[in-house]
Amino acid sequence: MSNATVELTDVTFVTKVESDKAGLVLVDFWAEWCGPCRQIGPIVEEIATENKGKLTVGKVDVDANQGTAQKFGVMSIPTLMLFKNGKLVERMVGAMPKNRLMAKIAPHMA
């Protein structure tokens, strides 16, 4: 994990993502053993670096944080969820190219 992304846990998720003061947060639900997660990982890191200050990017290891994954019904990974001021506004499942991810994120940055 780079210093552009934030590690989220079952304990920190509520304050860092679900708070109405959290702003725009992209959450990557992933696992070490997941091939598509490793494929999309560098793209998520790029998005975090390029949008620092406008978007917080957090990563939830579903093996270590099963409570949060269960709470949001994460059945397959990678699953990316976009939260705005604590509310879920987008849900994306599976690896996808950067331009498709940004097409979902950009409207919420305005």
PDB file of N, CA and C in Angstrom:
ATOM      1  N   MET A   1       0.853  -1.183   0.000  1.00  0.00           N
ATOM      2  CA  MET A   1       0.000   0.000   0.000  1.00  0.00           C
ATOM      3  C   MET A   1       0.896   1.242   0.000  1.00  0.00           C
ATOM      4  N   SER A   2       0.589   2.179  -0.846  1.00  0.00           N
ATOM      5  CA  SER A   2       1.403   3.388  -0.932  1.00  0.00           C
ATOM      6  C   SER A   2       0.944   4.391   0.116  1.00  0.00           C
ATOM      7  N   ASN A   3       1.664   5.507   0.191  1.00  0.00           N
ATOM      8  CA  ASN A   3       1.229   6.539   1.136  1.00  0.00           C
ATOM      9  C   ASN A   3       0.116   7.407   0.540  1.00  0.00           C
ATOM     10  N   ALA A   4      -0.322   7.081  -0.680  1.00  0.00           N
ATOM     11  CA  ALA A   4      -1.447   7.805  -1.279  1.00  0.00           C
ATOM     12  C   ALA A   4      -2.776   7.190  -0.835  1.00  0.00           C
ATOM     13  N   THR A   5      -2.745   5.918  -0.394  1.00  0.00           N
ATOM     14  CA  THR A   5      -3.966   5.247   0.041  1.00  0.00           C
ATOM     15  C   THR A   5      -3.957   5.070   1.558  1.00  0.00           C
ATOM     16  N   VAL A   6      -5.151   4.855   2.101  1.00  0.00           N
ATOM     17  CA  VAL A   6      -5.330   4.694   3.537  1.00  0.00           C
ATOM     18  C   VAL A   6      -5.816   3.276   3.800  1.00  0.00           C
ATOM     19  N   GLU A   7      -5.199   2.603   4.761  1.00  0.00           N
ATOM     20  CA  GLU A   7      -5.682   1.279   5.140  1.00  0.00           C
ATOM     21  C   GLU A   7      -6.889   1.456   6.044  1.00  0.00           C
ATOM     22  N   LEU A   8      -7.990   0.813   5.660  1.00  0.00           N
ATOM     23  CA  LEU A   8      -9.222   0.898   6.447  1.00  0.00           C
ATOM     24  C   LEU A   8      -9.490  -0.441   7.113  1.00  0.00           C
ATOM     25  N   THR A   9     -10.001  -0.378   8.343  1.00  0.00           N
ATOM     26  CA  THR A   9     -10.323  -1.589   9.091  1.00  0.00           C
ATOM     27  C   THR A   9     -11.774  -1.518   9.547  1.00  0.00           C
ATOM     28  N   ASP A  10     -12.254  -2.608  10.117  1.00  0.00           N
ATOM     29  CA  ASP A  10     -13.606  -2.612  10.680  1.00  0.00           C
ATOM     30  C   ASP A  10     -13.756  -1.486  11.696  1.00  0.00           C
ATOM     31  N   VAL A  11     -12.685  -1.170  12.417  1.00  0.00           N
ATOM     32  CA  VAL A  11     -12.718  -0.145  13.462  1.00  0.00           C
ATOM     33  C   VAL A  11     -12.685   1.273  12.880  1.00  0.00           C
ATOM     34  N   THR A  12     -11.850   1.516  11.876  1.00  0.00           N
ATOM     35  CA  THR A  12     -11.675   2.875  11.350  1.00  0.00           C
ATOM     36  C   THR A  12     -12.657   3.258  10.252  1.00  0.00           C
ATOM     37  N   PHE A  13     -13.346   2.288   9.674  1.00  0.00           N
ATOM     38  CA  PHE A  13     -14.221   2.537   8.527  1.00  0.00           C
ATOM     39  C   PHE A  13     -15.287   3.592   8.821  1.00  0.00           C
ATOM     40  N   VAL A  14     -15.935   3.482   9.970  1.00  0.00           N
ATOM     41  CA  VAL A  14     -17.030   4.393  10.312  1.00  0.00           C
ATOM     42  C   VAL A  14     -16.550   5.844  10.360  1.00  0.00           C
ATOM     43  N   THR A  15     -15.427   6.109  11.019  1.00  0.00           N
ATOM     44  CA  THR A  15     -14.963   7.494  11.153  1.00  0.00           C
ATOM     45  C   THR A  15     -14.334   8.035   9.878  1.00  0.00           C
ATOM     46  N   LYS A  16     -13.649   7.185   9.121  1.00  0.00           N
ATOM     47  CA  LYS A  16     -12.947   7.676   7.926  1.00  0.00           C
ATOM     48  C   LYS A  16     -13.788   7.666   6.652  1.00  0.00           C
ATOM     49  N   VAL A  17     -14.885   6.886   6.633  1.00  0.00           N
ATOM     50  CA  VAL A  17     -15.676   6.764   5.406  1.00  0.00           C
ATOM     51  C   VAL A  17     -17.126   7.167   5.625  1.00  0.00           C
ATOM     52  N   GLU A  18     -17.743   6.665   6.683  1.00  0.00           N
ATOM     53  CA  GLU A  18     -19.179   6.862   6.884  1.00  0.00           C
ATOM     54  C   GLU A  18     -19.535   8.166   7.593  1.00  0.00           C
ATOM     55  N   SER A  19     -18.556   8.967   7.914  1.00  0.00           N
ATOM     56  CA  SER A  19     -18.808  10.258   8.553  1.00  0.00           C
ATOM     57  C   SER A  19     -19.308  11.268   7.520  1.00  0.00           C
ATOM     58  N   ASP A  20     -20.236  12.132   7.917  1.00  0.00           N
ATOM     59  CA  ASP A  20     -20.730  13.144   6.980  1.00  0.00           C
ATOM     60  C   ASP A  20     -19.667  14.198   6.676  1.00  0.00           C
ATOM     61  N   LYS A  21     -18.548  14.149   7.365  1.00  0.00           N
ATOM     62  CA  LYS A  21     -17.426  15.072   7.117  1.00  0.00           C
ATOM     63  C   LYS A  21     -16.305  14.402   6.324  1.00  0.00           C
ATOM     64  N   ALA A  22     -16.521  13.166   5.898  1.00  0.00           N
ATOM     65  CA  ALA A  22     -15.461  12.393   5.236  1.00  0.00           C
ATOM     66  C   ALA A  22     -15.154  12.879   3.816  1.00  0.00           C
ATOM     67  N   GLY A  23     -16.074  13.596   3.200  1.00  0.00           N
ATOM     68  CA  GLY A  23     -15.848  14.022   1.821  1.00  0.00           C
ATOM     69  C   GLY A  23     -16.026  12.869   0.864  1.00  0.00           C
ATOM     70  N   LEU A  24     -15.251  12.864  -0.226  1.00  0.00           N
ATOM     71  CA  LEU A  24     -15.353  11.831  -1.255  1.00  0.00           C
ATOM     72  C   LEU A  24     -14.306  10.743  -0.977  1.00  0.00           C
ATOM     73  N   VAL A  25     -14.772   9.506  -0.798  1.00  0.00           N
ATOM     74  CA  VAL A  25     -13.876   8.400  -0.456  1.00  0.00           C
ATOM     75  C   VAL A  25     -14.143   7.214  -1.377  1.00  0.00           C
ATOM     76  N   LEU A  26     -13.094   6.770  -2.066  1.00  0.00           N
ATOM     77  CA  LEU A  26     -13.157   5.559  -2.876  1.00  0.00           C
ATOM     78  C   LEU A  26     -12.595   4.426  -2.031  1.00  0.00           C
ATOM     79  N   VAL A  27     -13.377   3.355  -1.867  1.00  0.00           N
ATOM     80  CA  VAL A  27     -12.945   2.223  -1.053  1.00  0.00           C
ATOM     81  C   VAL A  27     -12.765   0.997  -1.943  1.00  0.00           C
ATOM     82  N   ASP A  28     -11.571   0.413  -1.865  1.00  0.00           N
ATOM     83  CA  ASP A  28     -11.226  -0.788  -2.625  1.00  0.00           C
ATOM     84  C   ASP A  28     -11.272  -1.979  -1.667  1.00  0.00           C
ATOM     85  N   PHE A  29     -12.264  -2.858  -1.856  1.00  0.00           N
ATOM     86  CA  PHE A  29     -12.346  -4.100  -1.086  1.00  0.00           C
ATOM     87  C   PHE A  29     -11.533  -5.137  -1.854  1.00  0.00           C
ATOM     88  N   TRP A  30     -10.503  -5.695  -1.223  1.00  0.00           N
ATOM     89  CA  TRP A  30      -9.554  -6.550  -1.918  1.00  0.00           C
ATOM     90  C   TRP A  30      -9.030  -7.642  -0.988  1.00  0.00           C
ATOM     91  N   ALA A  31      -8.219  -8.545  -1.544  1.00  0.00           N
ATOM     92  CA  ALA A  31      -7.500  -9.554  -0.763  1.00  0.00           C
ATOM     93  C   ALA A  31      -6.186  -9.867  -1.468  1.00  0.00           C
ATOM     94  N   GLU A  32      -5.208 -10.243  -0.694  1.00  0.00           N
ATOM     95  CA  GLU A  32      -3.862 -10.545  -1.209  1.00  0.00           C
ATOM     96  C   GLU A  32      -3.882 -11.638  -2.278  1.00  0.00           C
ATOM     97  N   TRP A  33      -4.711 -12.649  -2.114  1.00  0.00           N
ATOM     98  CA  TRP A  33      -4.741 -13.811  -3.001  1.00  0.00           C
ATOM     99  C   TRP A  33      -5.535 -13.580  -4.290  1.00  0.00           C
ATOM    100  N   CYS A  34      -6.168 -12.435  -4.426  1.00  0.00           N
ATOM    101  CA  CYS A  34      -7.076 -12.160  -5.540  1.00  0.00           C
ATOM    102  C   CYS A  34      -6.325 -11.580  -6.749  1.00  0.00           C
ATOM    103  N   GLY A  35      -6.295 -12.344  -7.849  1.00  0.00           N
ATOM    104  CA  GLY A  35      -5.608 -11.900  -9.070  1.00  0.00           C
ATOM    105  C   GLY A  35      -6.144 -10.599  -9.635  1.00  0.00           C
ATOM    106  N   PRO A  36      -7.474 -10.485  -9.853  1.00  0.00           N
ATOM    107  CA  PRO A  36      -8.020  -9.228 -10.371  1.00  0.00           C
ATOM    108  C   PRO A  36      -7.766  -8.030  -9.436  1.00  0.00           C
ATOM    109  N   CYS A  37      -7.674  -8.298  -8.128  1.00  0.00           N
ATOM    110  CA  CYS A  37      -7.367  -7.224  -7.170  1.00  0.00           C
ATOM    111  C   CYS A  37      -5.951  -6.701  -7.411  1.00  0.00           C
ATOM    112  N   ARG A  38      -5.014  -7.625  -7.659  1.00  0.00           N
ATOM    113  CA  ARG A  38      -3.631  -7.218  -7.944  1.00  0.00           C
ATOM    114  C   ARG A  38      -3.562  -6.477  -9.277  1.00  0.00           C
ATOM    115  N   GLN A  39      -4.443  -6.837 -10.194  1.00  0.00           N
ATOM    116  CA  GLN A  39      -4.486  -6.191 -11.509  1.00  0.00           C
ATOM    117  C   GLN A  39      -4.966  -4.733 -11.375  1.00  0.00           C
ATOM    118  N   ILE A  40      -5.985  -4.499 -10.570  1.00  0.00           N
ATOM    119  CA  ILE A  40      -6.558  -3.160 -10.450  1.00  0.00           C
ATOM    120  C   ILE A  40      -5.824  -2.304  -9.397  1.00  0.00           C
ATOM    121  N   GLY A  41      -5.053  -2.951  -8.539  1.00  0.00           N
ATOM    122  CA  GLY A  41      -4.335  -2.246  -7.468  1.00  0.00           C
ATOM    123  C   GLY A  41      -3.529  -1.037  -7.939  1.00  0.00           C
ATOM    124  N   PRO A  42      -2.663  -1.196  -8.950  1.00  0.00           N
ATOM    125  CA  PRO A  42      -1.867  -0.052  -9.424  1.00  0.00           C
ATOM    126  C   PRO A  42      -2.736   1.081  -9.991  1.00  0.00           C
ATOM    127  N   ILE A  43      -3.872   0.738 -10.586  1.00  0.00           N
ATOM    128  CA  ILE A  43      -4.796   1.752 -11.125  1.00  0.00           C
ATOM    129  C   ILE A  43      -5.390   2.564  -9.969  1.00  0.00           C
ATOM    130  N   VAL A  44      -5.788   1.856  -8.909  1.00  0.00           N
ATOM    131  CA  VAL A  44      -6.346   2.518  -7.724  1.00  0.00           C
ATOM    132  C   VAL A  44      -5.288   3.446  -7.101  1.00  0.00           C
ATOM    133  N   GLU A  45      -4.038   2.991  -7.047  1.00  0.00           N
ATOM    134  CA  GLU A  45      -2.943   3.806  -6.515  1.00  0.00           C
ATOM    135  C   GLU A  45      -2.747   5.073  -7.353  1.00  0.00           C
ATOM    136  N   GLU A  46      -2.795   4.914  -8.683  1.00  0.00           N
ATOM    137  CA  GLU A  46      -2.661   6.067  -9.592  1.00  0.00           C
ATOM    138  C   GLU A  46      -3.762   7.091  -9.344  1.00  0.00           C
ATOM    139  N   ILE A  47      -4.995   6.606  -9.228  1.00  0.00           N
ATOM    140  CA  ILE A  47      -6.135   7.488  -8.973  1.00  0.00           C
ATOM    141  C   ILE A  47      -5.938   8.222  -7.656  1.00  0.00           C
ATOM    142  N   ALA A  48      -5.439   7.513  -6.641  1.00  0.00           N
ATOM    143  CA  ALA A  48      -5.189   8.131  -5.333  1.00  0.00           C
ATOM    144  C   ALA A  48      -4.154   9.245  -5.438  1.00  0.00           C
ATOM    145  N   THR A  49      -3.072   8.972  -6.140  1.00  0.00           N
ATOM    146  CA  THR A  49      -1.987   9.948  -6.285  1.00  0.00           C
ATOM    147  C   THR A  49      -2.439  11.165  -7.098  1.00  0.00           C
ATOM    148  N   GLU A  50      -3.101  10.916  -8.219  1.00  0.00           N
ATOM    149  CA  GLU A  50      -3.505  11.994  -9.119  1.00  0.00           C
ATOM    150  C   GLU A  50      -4.622  12.874  -8.557  1.00  0.00           C
ATOM    151  N   ASN A  51      -5.389  12.358  -7.603  1.00  0.00           N
ATOM    152  CA  ASN A  51      -6.537  13.108  -7.073  1.00  0.00           C
ATOM    153  C   ASN A  51      -6.393  13.439  -5.594  1.00  0.00           C
ATOM    154  N   LYS A  52      -5.167  13.434  -5.116  1.00  0.00           N
ATOM    155  CA  LYS A  52      -4.896  13.749  -3.712  1.00  0.00           C
ATOM    156  C   LYS A  52      -5.459  15.134  -3.394  1.00  0.00           C
ATOM    157  N   GLY A  53      -6.193  15.226  -2.302  1.00  0.00           N
ATOM    158  CA  GLY A  53      -6.801  16.495  -1.928  1.00  0.00           C
ATOM    159  C   GLY A  53      -8.259  16.610  -2.372  1.00  0.00           C
ATOM    160  N   LYS A  54      -8.614  15.867  -3.424  1.00  0.00           N
ATOM    161  CA  LYS A  54      -9.999  15.885  -3.919  1.00  0.00           C
ATOM    162  C   LYS A  54     -10.733  14.597  -3.561  1.00  0.00           C
ATOM    163  N   LEU A  55      -9.954  13.533  -3.361  1.00  0.00           N
ATOM    164  CA  LEU A  55     -10.503  12.197  -3.170  1.00  0.00           C
ATOM    165  C   LEU A  55      -9.608  11.423  -2.210  1.00  0.00           C
ATOM    166  N   THR A  56     -10.197  10.790  -1.217  1.00  0.00           N
ATOM    167  CA  THR A  56      -9.452   9.895  -0.340  1.00  0.00           C
ATOM    168  C   THR A  56      -9.663   8.485  -0.876  1.00  0.00           C
ATOM    169  N   VAL A  57      -8.593   7.708  -0.940  1.00  0.00           N
ATOM    170  CA  VAL A  57      -8.702   6.329  -1.406  1.00  0.00           C
ATOM    171  C   VAL A  57      -8.281   5.404  -0.278  1.00  0.00           C
ATOM    172  N   GLY A  58      -9.201   4.514   0.101  1.00  0.00           N
ATOM    173  CA  GLY A  58      -8.935   3.566   1.166  1.00  0.00           C
ATOM    174  C   GLY A  58      -9.020   2.140   0.672  1.00  0.00           C
ATOM    175  N   LYS A  59      -8.296   1.251   1.343  1.00  0.00           N
ATOM    176  CA  LYS A  59      -8.301  -0.161   0.971  1.00  0.00           C
ATOM    177  C   LYS A  59      -8.730  -0.989   2.178  1.00  0.00           C
ATOM    178  N   VAL A  60      -9.669  -1.909   1.936  1.00  0.00           N
ATOM    179  CA  VAL A  60     -10.148  -2.812   2.979  1.00  0.00           C
ATOM    180  C   VAL A  60      -9.767  -4.240   2.593  1.00  0.00           C
ATOM    181  N   ASP A  61      -8.899  -4.849   3.390  1.00  0.00           N
ATOM    182  CA  ASP A  61      -8.546  -6.249   3.194  1.00  0.00           C
ATOM    183  C   ASP A  61      -9.715  -7.076   3.733  1.00  0.00           C
ATOM    184  N   VAL A  62     -10.448  -7.743   2.830  1.00  0.00           N
ATOM    185  CA  VAL A  62     -11.669  -8.443   3.238  1.00  0.00           C
ATOM    186  C   VAL A  62     -11.389  -9.630   4.153  1.00  0.00           C
ATOM    187  N   ASP A  63     -10.190 -10.205   4.074  1.00  0.00           N
ATOM    188  CA  ASP A  63      -9.856 -11.321   4.959  1.00  0.00           C
ATOM    189  C   ASP A  63      -9.689 -10.849   6.403  1.00  0.00           C
ATOM    190  N   ALA A  64      -9.109  -9.675   6.573  1.00  0.00           N
ATOM    191  CA  ALA A  64      -8.860  -9.142   7.915  1.00  0.00           C
ATOM    192  C   ALA A  64     -10.030  -8.322   8.455  1.00  0.00           C
ATOM    193  N   ASN A  65     -10.934  -7.902   7.588  1.00  0.00           N
ATOM    194  CA  ASN A  65     -12.037  -7.018   7.986  1.00  0.00           C
ATOM    195  C   ASN A  65     -13.367  -7.530   7.442  1.00  0.00           C
ATOM    196  N   GLN A  66     -13.730  -8.716   7.859  1.00  0.00           N
ATOM    197  CA  GLN A  66     -14.923  -9.371   7.333  1.00  0.00           C
ATOM    198  C   GLN A  66     -16.213  -8.657   7.721  1.00  0.00           C
ATOM    199  N   GLY A  67     -16.206  -7.967   8.853  1.00  0.00           N
ATOM    200  CA  GLY A  67     -17.408  -7.257   9.304  1.00  0.00           C
ATOM    201  C   GLY A  67     -17.833  -6.179   8.320  1.00  0.00           C
ATOM    202  N   THR A  68     -16.886  -5.373   7.873  1.00  0.00           N
ATOM    203  CA  THR A  68     -17.185  -4.291   6.933  1.00  0.00           C
ATOM    204  C   THR A  68     -17.603  -4.860   5.579  1.00  0.00           C
ATOM    205  N   ALA A  69     -16.891  -5.892   5.128  1.00  0.00           N
ATOM    206  CA  ALA A  69     -17.234  -6.524   3.851  1.00  0.00           C
ATOM    207  C   ALA A  69     -18.658  -7.088   3.902  1.00  0.00           C
ATOM    208  N   GLN A  70     -19.008  -7.712   5.007  1.00  0.00           N
ATOM    209  CA  GLN A  70     -20.348  -8.273   5.180  1.00  0.00           C
ATOM    210  C   GLN A  70     -21.404  -7.185   5.235  1.00  0.00           C
ATOM    211  N   LYS A  71     -21.100  -6.119   5.970  1.00  0.00           N
ATOM    212  CA  LYS A  71     -22.037  -5.005   6.132  1.00  0.00           C
ATOM    213  C   LYS A  71     -22.474  -4.440   4.779  1.00  0.00           C
ATOM    214  N   PHE A  72     -21.536  -4.386   3.813  1.00  0.00           N
ATOM    215  CA  PHE A  72     -21.828  -3.814   2.504  1.00  0.00           C
ATOM    216  C   PHE A  72     -22.108  -4.871   1.436  1.00  0.00           C
ATOM    217  N   GLY A  73     -22.275  -6.123   1.857  1.00  0.00           N
ATOM    218  CA  GLY A  73     -22.648  -7.186   0.932  1.00  0.00           C
ATOM    219  C   GLY A  73     -21.619  -7.461  -0.142  1.00  0.00           C
ATOM    220  N   VAL A  74     -20.348  -7.365   0.210  1.00  0.00           N
ATOM    221  CA  VAL A  74     -19.284  -7.640  -0.762  1.00  0.00           C
ATOM    222  C   VAL A  74     -19.208  -9.151  -0.967  1.00  0.00           C
ATOM    223  N   MET A  75     -19.628  -9.592  -2.152  1.00  0.00           N
ATOM    224  CA  MET A  75     -19.657 -11.021  -2.473  1.00  0.00           C
ATOM    225  C   MET A  75     -18.498 -11.426  -3.381  1.00  0.00           C
ATOM    226  N   SER A  76     -18.007 -10.498  -4.181  1.00  0.00           N
ATOM    227  CA  SER A  76     -16.861 -10.792  -5.027  1.00  0.00           C
ATOM    228  C   SER A  76     -15.932  -9.588  -5.010  1.00  0.00           C
ATOM    229  N   ILE A  77     -14.658  -9.891  -5.205  1.00  0.00           N
ATOM    230  CA  ILE A  77     -13.657  -8.829  -5.181  1.00  0.00           C
ATOM    231  C   ILE A  77     -12.868  -8.874  -6.481  1.00  0.00           C
ATOM    232  N   PRO A  78     -12.338  -7.751  -6.914  1.00  0.00           N
ATOM    233  CA  PRO A  78     -12.417  -6.460  -6.240  1.00  0.00           C
ATOM    234  C   PRO A  78     -13.809  -5.825  -6.357  1.00  0.00           C
ATOM    235  N   THR A  79     -14.211  -5.182  -5.294  1.00  0.00           N
ATOM    236  CA  THR A  79     -15.395  -4.330  -5.298  1.00  0.00           C
ATOM    237  C   THR A  79     -14.920  -2.952  -4.879  1.00  0.00           C
ATOM    238  N   LEU A  80     -15.284  -1.945  -5.656  1.00  0.00           N
ATOM    239  CA  LEU A  80     -14.946  -0.566  -5.303  1.00  0.00           C
ATOM    240  C   LEU A  80     -16.237   0.180  -5.021  1.00  0.00           C
ATOM    241  N   MET A  81     -16.235   0.931  -3.929  1.00  0.00           N
ATOM    242  CA  MET A  81     -17.410   1.720  -3.569  1.00  0.00           C
ATOM    243  C   MET A  81     -16.985   3.159  -3.368  1.00  0.00           C
ATOM    244  N   LEU A  82     -17.817   4.055  -3.866  1.00  0.00           N
ATOM    245  CA  LEU A  82     -17.554   5.482  -3.732  1.00  0.00           C
ATOM    246  C   LEU A  82     -18.560   6.064  -2.750  1.00  0.00           C
ATOM    247  N   PHE A  83     -18.041   6.705  -1.717  1.00  0.00           N
ATOM    248  CA  PHE A  83     -18.873   7.337  -0.694  1.00  0.00           C
ATOM    249  C   PHE A  83     -18.691   8.843  -0.765  1.00  0.00           C
ATOM    250  N   LYS A  84     -19.781   9.573  -0.624  1.00  0.00           N
ATOM    251  CA  LYS A  84     -19.715  11.030  -0.585  1.00  0.00           C
ATOM    252  C   LYS A  84     -20.388  11.477   0.706  1.00  0.00           C
ATOM    253  N   ASN A  85     -19.602  12.133   1.570  1.00  0.00           N
ATOM    254  CA  ASN A  85     -20.085  12.574   2.882  1.00  0.00           C
ATOM    255  C   ASN A  85     -20.800  11.465   3.637  1.00  0.00           C
ATOM    256  N   GLY A  86     -20.204  10.269   3.598  1.00  0.00           N
ATOM    257  CA  GLY A  86     -20.715   9.141   4.359  1.00  0.00           C
ATOM    258  C   GLY A  86     -21.774   8.296   3.680  1.00  0.00           C
ATOM    259  N   LYS A  87     -22.233   8.705   2.506  1.00  0.00           N
ATOM    260  CA  LYS A  87     -23.292   7.971   1.791  1.00  0.00           C
ATOM    261  C   LYS A  87     -22.714   7.252   0.572  1.00  0.00           C
ATOM    262  N   LEU A  88     -23.125   6.005   0.379  1.00  0.00           N
ATOM    263  CA  LEU A  88     -22.685   5.231  -0.780  1.00  0.00           C
ATOM    264  C   LEU A  88     -23.347   5.794  -2.040  1.00  0.00           C
ATOM    265  N   VAL A  89     -22.516   6.199  -3.028  1.00  0.00           N
ATOM    266  CA  VAL A  89     -23.062   6.786  -4.258  1.00  0.00           C
ATOM    267  C   VAL A  89     -22.761   5.958  -5.515  1.00  0.00           C
ATOM    268  N   GLU A  90     -21.747   5.101  -5.466  1.00  0.00           N
ATOM    269  CA  GLU A  90     -21.403   4.237  -6.613  1.00  0.00           C
ATOM    270  C   GLU A  90     -20.849   2.921  -6.095  1.00  0.00           C
ATOM    271  N   ARG A  91     -21.122   1.853  -6.837  1.00  0.00           N
ATOM    272  CA  ARG A  91     -20.589   0.531  -6.518  1.00  0.00           C
ATOM    273  C   ARG A  91     -20.119  -0.099  -7.823  1.00  0.00           C
ATOM    274  N   MET A  92     -18.865  -0.543  -7.855  1.00  0.00           N
ATOM    275  CA  MET A  92     -18.284  -1.140  -9.053  1.00  0.00           C
ATOM    276  C   MET A  92     -17.667  -2.487  -8.681  1.00  0.00           C
ATOM    277  N   VAL A  93     -17.976  -3.517  -9.446  1.00  0.00           N
ATOM    278  CA  VAL A  93     -17.472  -4.851  -9.145  1.00  0.00           C
ATOM    279  C   VAL A  93     -16.614  -5.344 -10.301  1.00  0.00           C
ATOM    280  N   GLY A  94     -15.434  -5.863  -9.960  1.00  0.00           N
ATOM    281  CA  GLY A  94     -14.536  -6.418 -10.967  1.00  0.00           C
ATOM    282  C   GLY A  94     -13.474  -5.428 -11.402  1.00  0.00           C
ATOM    283  N   ALA A  95     -12.420  -5.979 -11.986  1.00  0.00           N
ATOM    284  CA  ALA A  95     -11.341  -5.142 -12.497  1.00  0.00           C
ATOM    285  C   ALA A  95     -11.833  -4.401 -13.735  1.00  0.00           C
ATOM    286  N   MET A  96     -11.431  -3.151 -13.856  1.00  0.00           N
ATOM    287  CA  MET A  96     -11.815  -2.359 -15.026  1.00  0.00           C
ATOM    288  C   MET A  96     -10.721  -1.337 -15.314  1.00  0.00           C
ATOM    289  N   PRO A  97     -10.684  -0.830 -16.533  1.00  0.00           N
ATOM    290  CA  PRO A  97      -9.651   0.150 -16.878  1.00  0.00           C
ATOM    291  C   PRO A  97      -9.856   1.475 -16.129  1.00  0.00           C
ATOM    292  N   LYS A  98      -8.781   2.215 -16.026  1.00  0.00           N
ATOM    293  CA  LYS A  98      -8.783   3.491 -15.304  1.00  0.00           C
ATOM    294  C   LYS A  98      -9.830   4.465 -15.851  1.00  0.00           C
ATOM    295  N   ASN A  99      -9.960   4.549 -17.175  1.00  0.00           N
ATOM    296  CA  ASN A  99     -10.909   5.516 -17.745  1.00  0.00           C
ATOM    297  C   ASN A  99     -12.347   5.199 -17.337  1.00  0.00           C
ATOM    298  N   ARG A 100     -12.676   3.904 -17.215  1.00  0.00           N
ATOM    299  CA  ARG A 100     -14.024   3.528 -16.780  1.00  0.00           C
ATOM    300  C   ARG A 100     -14.251   3.864 -15.308  1.00  0.00           C
ATOM    301  N   LEU A 101     -13.243   3.644 -14.502  1.00  0.00           N
ATOM    302  CA  LEU A 101     -13.335   3.998 -13.078  1.00  0.00           C
ATOM    303  C   LEU A 101     -13.514   5.503 -12.917  1.00  0.00           C
ATOM    304  N   MET A 102     -12.682   6.254 -13.623  1.00  0.00           N
ATOM    305  CA  MET A 102     -12.751   7.718 -13.508  1.00  0.00           C
ATOM    306  C   MET A 102     -14.078   8.263 -14.040  1.00  0.00           C
ATOM    307  N   ALA A 103     -14.672   7.593 -15.017  1.00  0.00           N
ATOM    308  CA  ALA A 103     -15.976   8.017 -15.543  1.00  0.00           C
ATOM    309  C   ALA A 103     -17.062   7.912 -14.464  1.00  0.00           C
ATOM    310  N   LYS A 104     -16.899   6.960 -13.548  1.00  0.00           N
ATOM    311  CA  LYS A 104     -17.855   6.801 -12.445  1.00  0.00           C
ATOM    312  C   LYS A 104     -17.562   7.784 -11.303  1.00  0.00           C
ATOM    313  N   ILE A 105     -16.279   8.093 -11.101  1.00  0.00           N
ATOM    314  CA  ILE A 105     -15.864   8.946  -9.982  1.00  0.00           C
ATOM    315  C   ILE A 105     -16.019  10.437 -10.293  1.00  0.00           C
ATOM    316  N   ALA A 106     -15.595  10.837 -11.480  1.00  0.00           N
ATOM    317  CA  ALA A 106     -15.538  12.257 -11.860  1.00  0.00           C
ATOM    318  C   ALA A 106     -16.811  13.058 -11.605  1.00  0.00           C
ATOM    319  N   PRO A 107     -18.005  12.555 -11.929  1.00  0.00           N
ATOM    320  CA  PRO A 107     -19.213  13.356 -11.699  1.00  0.00           C
ATOM    321  C   PRO A 107     -19.410  13.736 -10.222  1.00  0.00           C
ATOM    322  N   HIS A 108     -18.870  12.932  -9.315  1.00  0.00           N
ATOM    323  CA  HIS A 108     -19.049  13.206  -7.889  1.00  0.00           C
ATOM    324  C   HIS A 108     -18.002  14.177  -7.344  1.00  0.00           C
ATOM    325  N   MET A 109     -17.002  14.488  -8.172  1.00  0.00           N
ATOM    326  CA  MET A 109     -15.941  15.418  -7.758  1.00  0.00           C
ATOM    327  C   MET A 109     -16.352  16.871  -7.989  1.00  0.00           C
ATOM    328  N   ALA A 110     -17.328  17.083  -8.835  1.00  0.00           N
ATOM    329  CA  ALA A 110     -17.731  18.445  -9.203  1.00  0.00           C
ATOM    330  C   ALA A 110     -18.353  19.178  -8.033  1.00  0.00           C
TER     331      ALA A 110
END
